[in-house]
C-alpha atoms as a PDB file:
ATOM      1  CA  MET A   1      32.311  25.299  23.453  1.00  0.00           C
ATOM      2  CA  ASN A   2      28.825  23.862  23.346  1.00  0.00           C
ATOM      3  CA  TRP A   3      28.655  21.174  20.645  1.00  0.00           C
ATOM      4  CA  LYS A   4      25.058  20.247  21.356  1.00  0.00           C
ATOM      5  CA  TRP A   5      23.903  21.877  18.118  1.00  0.00           C
ATOM      6  CA  LEU A   6      26.188  19.534  16.173  1.00  0.00           C
ATOM      7  CA  SER A   7      24.553  16.440  17.640  1.00  0.00           C
ATOM      8  CA  GLU A   8      21.105  17.975  17.049  1.00  0.00           C
ATOM      9  CA  PHE A   9      22.029  18.595  13.420  1.00  0.00           C
ATOM     10  CA  ARG A  10      23.319  15.028  13.055  1.00  0.00           C
ATOM     11  CA  ASP A  11      20.066  13.659  14.511  1.00  0.00           C
ATOM     12  CA  PHE A  12      18.051  15.837  12.112  1.00  0.00           C
ATOM     13  CA  ALA A  13      20.124  14.989   9.040  1.00  0.00           C
ATOM     14  CA  LEU A  14      20.098  11.262   9.670  1.00  0.00           C
ATOM     15  CA  LYS A  15      16.393  10.915  10.337  1.00  0.00           C
ATOM     16  CA  GLY A  16      14.715   8.513   7.959  1.00  0.00           C
ATOM     17  CA  ASN A  17      12.489  11.174   6.414  1.00  0.00           C
ATOM     18  CA  VAL A  18      15.361  13.448   5.433  1.00  0.00           C
ATOM     19  CA  VAL A  19      17.398  10.629   3.919  1.00  0.00           C
ATOM     20  CA  ASP A  20      14.340   9.290   2.071  1.00  0.00           C
ATOM     21  CA  LEU A  21      13.620  12.765   0.728  1.00  0.00           C
ATOM     22  CA  ALA A  22      17.202  13.188  -0.471  1.00  0.00           C
ATOM     23  CA  VAL A  23      17.133   9.828  -2.243  1.00  0.00           C
ATOM     24  CA  GLY A  24      13.779  10.703  -3.813  1.00  0.00           C
ATOM     25  CA  VAL A  25      15.062  14.035  -5.103  1.00  0.00           C
ATOM     26  CA  ILE A  26      18.200  12.479  -6.576  1.00  0.00           C
ATOM     27  CA  ILE A  27      16.233   9.704  -8.290  1.00  0.00           C
ATOM     28  CA  GLY A  28      13.656  12.254  -9.465  1.00  0.00           C
ATOM     29  CA  VAL A  29      16.340  14.409 -11.104  1.00  0.00           C
ATOM     30  CA  ALA A  30      17.848  11.394 -12.844  1.00  0.00           C
ATOM     31  CA  PHE A  31      14.379  10.216 -13.936  1.00  0.00           C
ATOM     32  CA  GLY A  32      13.606  13.697 -15.259  1.00  0.00           C
ATOM     33  CA  LYS A  33      16.755  13.640 -17.387  1.00  0.00           C
ATOM     34  CA  ILE A  34      15.811  10.257 -18.817  1.00  0.00           C
ATOM     35  CA  VAL A  35      12.315  11.401 -19.728  1.00  0.00           C
ATOM     36  CA  SER A  36      13.609  14.687 -21.159  1.00  0.00           C
ATOM     37  CA  ALA A  37      16.031  12.754 -23.362  1.00  0.00           C
ATOM     38  CA  LEU A  38      13.190  10.473 -24.444  1.00  0.00           C
ATOM     39  CA  VAL A  39      10.965  13.392 -25.352  1.00  0.00           C
ATOM     40  CA  GLU A  40      13.679  15.449 -27.012  1.00  0.00           C
ATOM     41  CA  ASN A  41      15.364  12.692 -29.009  1.00  0.00           C
ATOM     42  CA  VAL A  42      12.672  10.070 -29.617  1.00  0.00           C
ATOM     43  CA  LEU A  43       9.202  11.606 -29.455  1.00  0.00           C
ATOM     44  CA  MET A  44       9.638  15.148 -30.750  1.00  0.00           C
ATOM     45  CA  PRO A  45      11.498  14.409 -34.025  1.00  0.00           C
ATOM     46  CA  PRO A  46       8.590  12.348 -35.440  1.00  0.00           C
ATOM     47  CA  ILE A  47       6.113  14.966 -34.268  1.00  0.00           C
ATOM     48  CA  GLY A  48       8.218  17.651 -35.929  1.00  0.00           C
ATOM     49  CA  PHE A  49       8.380  15.522 -39.095  1.00  0.00           C
ATOM     50  CA  LEU A  50       4.592  15.166 -39.111  1.00  0.00           C
ATOM     51  CA  LEU A  51       4.374  18.944 -38.788  1.00  0.00           C
ATOM     52  CA  LYS A  52       6.559  19.339 -41.922  1.00  0.00           C
ATOM     53  CA  GLY A  53       9.932  19.653 -40.234  1.00  0.00           C
ATOM     54  CA  VAL A  54       8.938  22.109 -37.528  1.00  0.00           C
ATOM     55  CA  ASP A  55      11.230  22.063 -34.506  1.00  0.00           C
ATOM     56  CA  PHE A  56       9.333  23.273 -31.466  1.00  0.00           C
ATOM     57  CA  LYS A  57      12.409  25.006 -30.086  1.00  0.00           C
ATOM     58  CA  ASP A  58      12.563  27.204 -33.169  1.00  0.00           C
ATOM     59  CA  LEU A  59       8.980  28.462 -32.873  1.00  0.00           C
ATOM     60  CA  ALA A  60       8.988  32.132 -31.860  1.00  0.00           C
ATOM     61  CA  VAL A  61       7.275  35.427 -32.493  1.00  0.00           C
ATOM     62  CA  ASN A  62       9.383  38.511 -33.229  1.00  0.00           C
ATOM     63  CA  MET A  63       7.862  41.462 -31.399  1.00  0.00           C
ATOM     64  CA  GLY A  64      10.724  43.822 -32.131  1.00  0.00           C
ATOM     65  CA  THR A  65      12.203  45.237 -35.273  1.00  0.00           C
ATOM     66  CA  ALA A  66      14.861  43.954 -37.637  1.00  0.00           C
ATOM     67  CA  GLN A  67      17.513  45.976 -35.799  1.00  0.00           C
ATOM     68  CA  THR A  68      16.336  45.011 -32.285  1.00  0.00           C
ATOM     69  CA  PRO A  69      14.603  41.642 -32.373  1.00  0.00           C
ATOM     70  CA  VAL A  70      12.538  40.687 -29.344  1.00  0.00           C
ATOM     71  CA  LEU A  71      11.695  36.997 -29.621  1.00  0.00           C
ATOM     72  CA  VAL A  72       8.911  35.343 -27.661  1.00  0.00           C
ATOM     73  CA  LYS A  73      10.025  31.706 -27.806  1.00  0.00           C
ATOM     74  CA  TYR A  74       6.726  29.945 -27.271  1.00  0.00           C
ATOM     75  CA  GLY A  75       8.129  26.760 -28.849  1.00  0.00           C
ATOM     76  CA  VAL A  76      10.430  26.195 -25.877  1.00  0.00           C
ATOM     77  CA  PHE A  77       7.392  26.609 -23.629  1.00  0.00           C
ATOM     78  CA  LEU A  78       5.441  24.056 -25.693  1.00  0.00           C
ATOM     79  CA  GLN A  79       8.382  21.650 -25.462  1.00  0.00           C
ATOM     80  CA  THR A  80       8.479  22.086 -21.688  1.00  0.00           C
ATOM     81  CA  LEU A  81       4.720  21.469 -21.439  1.00  0.00           C
ATOM     82  CA  ILE A  82       5.056  18.259 -23.431  1.00  0.00           C
ATOM     83  CA  ASP A  83       7.987  17.176 -21.233  1.00  0.00           C
ATOM     84  CA  PHE A  84       5.914  17.847 -18.117  1.00  0.00           C
ATOM     85  CA  ALA A  85       2.890  15.958 -19.421  1.00  0.00           C
ATOM     86  CA  ILE A  86       4.986  12.908 -20.262  1.00  0.00           C
ATOM     87  CA  VAL A  87       6.859  13.002 -16.933  1.00  0.00           C
ATOM     88  CA  ALA A  88       3.577  13.339 -15.038  1.00  0.00           C
ATOM     89  CA  PHE A  89       1.989  10.460 -16.961  1.00  0.00           C
ATOM     90  CA  VAL A  90       4.977   8.146 -16.500  1.00  0.00           C
ATOM     91  CA  LEU A  91       5.167   9.040 -12.815  1.00  0.00           C
ATOM     92  CA  PHE A  92       1.446   8.277 -12.507  1.00  0.00           C
ATOM     93  CA  LEU A  93       2.008   4.855 -14.077  1.00  0.00           C
ATOM     94  CA  VAL A  94       4.999   4.131 -11.817  1.00  0.00           C
ATOM     95  CA  ILE A  95       3.109   5.073  -8.647  1.00  0.00           C
ATOM     96  CA  LYS A  96       0.041   3.122  -9.761  1.00  0.00           C
ATOM     97  CA  GLY A  97       2.253   0.071 -10.372  1.00  0.00           C
ATOM     98  CA  MET A  98       3.947   0.451  -6.997  1.00  0.00           C
ATOM     99  CA  ILE A  99       0.575   0.605  -5.246  1.00  0.00           C
ATOM    100  CA  ALA A 100      -0.589  -2.513  -7.086  1.00  0.00           C
ATOM    101  CA  LEU A 101       2.591  -4.380  -6.102  1.00  0.00           C
ATOM    102  CA  LYS A 102       2.265  -3.243  -2.524  1.00  0.00           C
ATOM    103  CA  LYS A 103      -1.322  -4.514  -2.358  1.00  0.00           C
ATOM    104  CA  ARG A 104      -0.285  -7.796  -3.939  1.00  0.00           C
ATOM    105  CA  PHE A 105       2.449  -8.530  -1.417  1.00  0.00           C
ATOM    106  CA  GLU A 106       0.753  -7.178   1.690  1.00  0.00           C
ATOM    107  CA  THR A 107      -0.591  -9.752   4.059  1.00  0.00           C
ATOM    108  CA  PRO A 108      -4.253  -9.178   4.689  1.00  0.00           C
ATOM    109  CA  VAL A 109      -5.025  -8.031   8.180  1.00  0.00           C
ATOM    110  CA  ALA A 110      -7.244 -10.499   9.967  1.00  0.00           C
ATOM    111  CA  ALA A 111     -10.542  -8.887  10.757  1.00  0.00           C
ATOM    112  CA  GLU A 112     -11.731  -9.024  14.335  1.00  0.00           C
ATOM    113  CA  PRO A 113     -14.564 -11.425  14.822  1.00  0.00           C
ATOM    114  CA  PRO A 114     -17.817  -9.612  15.450  1.00  0.00           C
ATOM    115  CA  LYS A 115     -18.826  -9.208  19.069  1.00  0.00           C
ATOM    116  CA  PRO A 116     -21.480 -11.679  20.152  1.00  0.00           C
ATOM    117  CA  THR A 117     -24.997 -10.403  20.477  1.00  0.00           C
ATOM    118  CA  GLN A 118     -26.740 -10.370  23.831  1.00  0.00           C
ATOM    119  CA  SER A 119     -28.818 -13.439  22.922  1.00  0.00           C
ATOM    120  CA  GLU A 120     -25.660 -15.363  21.991  1.00  0.00           C
ATOM    121  CA  ILE A 121     -24.154 -14.472  25.375  1.00  0.00           C
ATOM    122  CA  TYR A 122     -27.281 -15.797  27.152  1.00  0.00           C
ATOM    123  CA  LEU A 123     -27.241 -19.004  25.095  1.00  0.00           C
ATOM    124  CA  LYS A 124     -23.577 -19.607  25.986  1.00  0.00           C
ATOM    125  CA  GLU A 125     -24.337 -19.067  29.663  1.00  0.00           C
ATOM    126  CA  ILE A 126     -27.214 -21.565  29.471  1.00  0.00           C
ATOM    127  CA  ARG A 127     -24.966 -24.057  27.652  1.00  0.00           C
ATOM    128  CA  ASP A 128     -22.198 -23.657  30.238  1.00  0.00           C
ATOM    129  CA  ALA A 129     -24.712 -24.108  33.072  1.00  0.00           C
ATOM    130  CA  LEU A 130     -26.045 -27.321  31.473  1.00  0.00           C
ATOM    131  CA  VAL A 131     -22.536 -28.697  30.982  1.00  0.00           C
ATOM    132  CA  LYS A 132     -21.765 -28.182  34.678  1.00  0.00           C
ATOM    133  CA  LYS A 133     -24.758 -30.295  35.749  1.00  0.00           C
END
């Protein structure tokens, strides 16, 4: 049997990019759960209280009849939009902070000295010629 494909798969799966992506996805899922819990249990109850006890998840429009209700649950959609906005904002702040930290701890790259002008080259040649005499 030819087991070359197995070693190719191993090389692919253990590349830095694939492992980094997997770690990022796992952390992202966990972060999403944290933010969803924050929104659902901390932020939305006061907002619902300010809106006279309205729970966003209960908001719906009945487009059917009493015997066959067809509910359009736009409240769940609003809740999801709020979750997304908060996750996006927090992620923006985290990335902005990471960039600031990265800039703070990076060593500045030394800039190349500018190339001498033609007149500077001539002056150095004249100086070197005078030193030799």
